[in-house]
N, C-alpha and C. Protein backbone atom coordinates (compact mmCIF):
# COMPACT_ATOMS: atom_id res chain seq x y z
N UNK A 1 62.06 67.22 -1.53
CA UNK A 1 61.87 68.63 -1.24
C UNK A 1 63.23 69.24 -0.90
N UNK A 2 63.61 70.27 -1.62
CA UNK A 2 64.85 70.98 -1.36
C UNK A 2 64.52 72.37 -0.87
N UNK A 3 65.14 72.76 0.23
CA UNK A 3 64.85 74.07 0.81
C UNK A 3 66.10 74.94 0.81
N UNK A 4 65.87 76.24 0.79
CA UNK A 4 66.96 77.22 0.90
C UNK A 4 66.60 78.18 2.02
N UNK A 5 67.48 78.30 3.00
CA UNK A 5 67.32 79.27 4.08
C UNK A 5 68.18 80.48 3.73
N UNK A 6 67.53 81.63 3.61
CA UNK A 6 68.24 82.85 3.20
C UNK A 6 68.16 83.86 4.34
N UNK A 7 69.31 84.17 4.93
CA UNK A 7 69.34 85.21 5.96
C UNK A 7 69.60 86.55 5.29
N UNK A 8 69.05 87.60 5.86
CA UNK A 8 69.16 88.91 5.23
C UNK A 8 68.38 88.96 3.93
N UNK A 9 67.24 88.29 3.91
CA UNK A 9 66.50 88.08 2.66
C UNK A 9 65.91 89.35 2.05
N UNK A 10 65.78 90.43 2.81
CA UNK A 10 65.25 91.66 2.22
C UNK A 10 66.34 92.62 1.78
N UNK A 11 67.58 92.27 2.03
CA UNK A 11 68.70 93.11 1.58
C UNK A 11 69.04 92.76 0.13
N UNK A 12 69.96 93.46 -0.46
CA UNK A 12 70.25 93.32 -1.89
C UNK A 12 70.60 91.88 -2.29
N UNK A 13 71.62 91.31 -1.70
CA UNK A 13 72.05 89.97 -2.09
C UNK A 13 71.05 88.92 -1.64
N UNK A 14 70.52 89.06 -0.44
CA UNK A 14 69.55 88.10 0.07
C UNK A 14 68.27 88.06 -0.76
N UNK A 15 67.82 89.22 -1.21
CA UNK A 15 66.60 89.26 -2.04
C UNK A 15 66.83 88.57 -3.37
N UNK A 16 67.99 88.81 -3.97
CA UNK A 16 68.29 88.15 -5.25
C UNK A 16 68.47 86.65 -5.06
N UNK A 17 69.07 86.24 -3.95
CA UNK A 17 69.22 84.81 -3.67
C UNK A 17 67.84 84.17 -3.48
N UNK A 18 66.95 84.86 -2.78
CA UNK A 18 65.59 84.33 -2.58
C UNK A 18 64.89 84.13 -3.92
N UNK A 19 64.98 85.11 -4.79
CA UNK A 19 64.35 85.00 -6.11
C UNK A 19 64.99 83.87 -6.94
N UNK A 20 66.31 83.77 -6.87
CA UNK A 20 67.04 82.75 -7.60
C UNK A 20 66.57 81.35 -7.21
N UNK A 21 66.55 81.08 -5.91
CA UNK A 21 66.16 79.75 -5.45
C UNK A 21 64.67 79.48 -5.68
N UNK A 22 63.83 80.49 -5.49
CA UNK A 22 62.39 80.30 -5.72
C UNK A 22 62.12 79.97 -7.19
N UNK A 23 62.84 80.62 -8.11
CA UNK A 23 62.65 80.38 -9.54
C UNK A 23 63.07 78.98 -9.95
N UNK A 24 63.92 78.37 -9.14
CA UNK A 24 64.40 77.01 -9.44
C UNK A 24 63.67 75.94 -8.65
N UNK A 25 62.57 76.32 -8.01
CA UNK A 25 61.72 75.35 -7.35
C UNK A 25 62.07 75.01 -5.92
N UNK A 26 63.01 75.73 -5.34
CA UNK A 26 63.35 75.49 -3.94
C UNK A 26 62.22 76.00 -3.04
N UNK A 27 62.07 75.38 -1.88
CA UNK A 27 61.22 75.93 -0.84
C UNK A 27 62.06 76.97 -0.11
N UNK A 28 61.73 78.24 -0.27
CA UNK A 28 62.54 79.33 0.29
C UNK A 28 61.99 79.77 1.63
N UNK A 29 62.89 79.85 2.60
CA UNK A 29 62.59 80.41 3.90
C UNK A 29 63.53 81.60 4.07
N UNK A 30 62.98 82.79 4.12
CA UNK A 30 63.80 83.99 4.23
C UNK A 30 63.63 84.64 5.59
N UNK A 31 64.74 85.11 6.15
CA UNK A 31 64.74 85.76 7.45
C UNK A 31 65.44 87.10 7.31
N UNK A 32 64.85 88.15 7.89
CA UNK A 32 65.49 89.46 7.85
C UNK A 32 65.07 90.27 9.07
N UNK A 33 66.01 91.00 9.66
CA UNK A 33 65.68 91.83 10.83
C UNK A 33 65.86 93.32 10.56
N UNK A 34 66.07 93.70 9.32
CA UNK A 34 66.16 95.12 8.92
C UNK A 34 67.21 95.88 9.73
N UNK A 35 68.39 95.31 9.89
CA UNK A 35 69.46 95.99 10.61
C UNK A 35 69.95 97.25 9.89
N UNK A 36 69.69 97.33 8.59
CA UNK A 36 70.07 98.55 7.86
C UNK A 36 69.45 99.78 8.53
N UNK A 37 68.24 99.63 9.03
CA UNK A 37 67.57 100.74 9.71
C UNK A 37 68.39 101.20 10.92
N UNK A 38 68.97 100.25 11.66
CA UNK A 38 69.79 100.57 12.84
C UNK A 38 71.09 101.28 12.45
N UNK A 39 71.73 100.77 11.41
CA UNK A 39 73.04 101.30 11.04
C UNK A 39 72.98 102.59 10.23
N UNK A 40 71.99 102.71 9.34
CA UNK A 40 71.99 103.82 8.38
C UNK A 40 70.76 104.72 8.48
N UNK A 41 69.99 104.64 9.53
CA UNK A 41 68.78 105.43 9.77
C UNK A 41 67.58 104.87 9.03
N UNK A 42 66.42 105.35 9.38
CA UNK A 42 65.18 104.76 8.87
C UNK A 42 65.02 104.89 7.36
N UNK A 43 65.68 105.85 6.75
CA UNK A 43 65.57 106.01 5.29
C UNK A 43 66.19 104.83 4.55
N UNK A 44 67.05 104.07 5.20
CA UNK A 44 67.73 102.94 4.55
C UNK A 44 67.03 101.62 4.83
N UNK A 45 65.83 101.65 5.35
CA UNK A 45 65.15 100.39 5.69
C UNK A 45 64.89 99.54 4.46
N UNK A 46 64.58 98.28 4.68
CA UNK A 46 64.38 97.33 3.58
C UNK A 46 62.91 96.97 3.39
N UNK A 47 62.02 97.79 3.91
CA UNK A 47 60.59 97.50 3.81
C UNK A 47 60.13 97.39 2.36
N UNK A 48 60.61 98.26 1.49
CA UNK A 48 60.23 98.22 0.07
C UNK A 48 60.65 96.90 -0.56
N UNK A 49 61.84 96.43 -0.20
CA UNK A 49 62.34 95.16 -0.73
C UNK A 49 61.50 94.00 -0.21
N UNK A 50 61.12 94.05 1.05
CA UNK A 50 60.28 93.02 1.65
C UNK A 50 58.96 92.90 0.90
N UNK A 51 58.34 94.04 0.61
CA UNK A 51 57.06 94.02 -0.11
C UNK A 51 57.23 93.42 -1.51
N UNK A 52 58.30 93.77 -2.20
CA UNK A 52 58.56 93.20 -3.53
C UNK A 52 58.78 91.69 -3.46
N UNK A 53 59.52 91.24 -2.48
CA UNK A 53 59.77 89.80 -2.32
C UNK A 53 58.47 89.04 -2.10
N UNK A 54 57.64 89.56 -1.22
CA UNK A 54 56.37 88.89 -0.94
C UNK A 54 55.51 88.83 -2.20
N UNK A 55 55.60 89.83 -3.05
CA UNK A 55 54.86 89.84 -4.31
C UNK A 55 55.49 88.88 -5.33
N UNK A 56 56.82 88.91 -5.44
CA UNK A 56 57.53 88.11 -6.45
C UNK A 56 57.61 86.63 -6.10
N UNK A 57 57.61 86.30 -4.84
CA UNK A 57 57.77 84.90 -4.39
C UNK A 57 56.65 84.53 -3.43
N UNK A 58 55.41 84.48 -3.89
CA UNK A 58 54.29 84.25 -2.98
C UNK A 58 54.31 82.88 -2.30
N UNK A 59 55.01 81.91 -2.88
CA UNK A 59 55.06 80.58 -2.29
C UNK A 59 56.14 80.46 -1.20
N UNK A 60 57.00 81.44 -1.10
CA UNK A 60 58.07 81.43 -0.10
C UNK A 60 57.55 81.86 1.26
N UNK A 61 58.29 81.49 2.29
CA UNK A 61 57.95 81.88 3.66
C UNK A 61 59.00 82.89 4.11
N UNK A 62 58.56 84.07 4.49
CA UNK A 62 59.48 85.11 4.95
C UNK A 62 59.15 85.49 6.39
N UNK A 63 60.19 85.61 7.19
CA UNK A 63 60.06 86.02 8.58
C UNK A 63 60.80 87.34 8.71
N UNK A 64 60.06 88.41 8.92
CA UNK A 64 60.66 89.73 9.03
C UNK A 64 60.41 90.27 10.42
N UNK A 65 61.45 90.76 11.04
CA UNK A 65 61.32 91.42 12.33
C UNK A 65 61.93 92.81 12.21
N UNK A 66 61.54 93.68 13.05
CA UNK A 66 62.07 95.03 12.99
C UNK A 66 62.86 95.31 14.27
N UNK A 67 63.90 96.08 14.14
CA UNK A 67 64.75 96.42 15.27
C UNK A 67 64.54 97.86 15.69
N UNK A 68 63.38 98.42 15.41
CA UNK A 68 63.08 99.84 15.68
C UNK A 68 63.52 100.27 17.04
């Protein structure tokens, strides 16, 4: 069993890394705290990306927290 831990998994690079490893059979564990919301206001949140990841990689485990 090979696993990939991806931090920032709902951001641009992290989401692509999650998809990349999942497509190659890795057990993906993704972590994201949506810091974009803190830095760039709520319009920049990664919620849309999180929903796509959960749809695209149903076998992966994602841990999402919010910093609201």
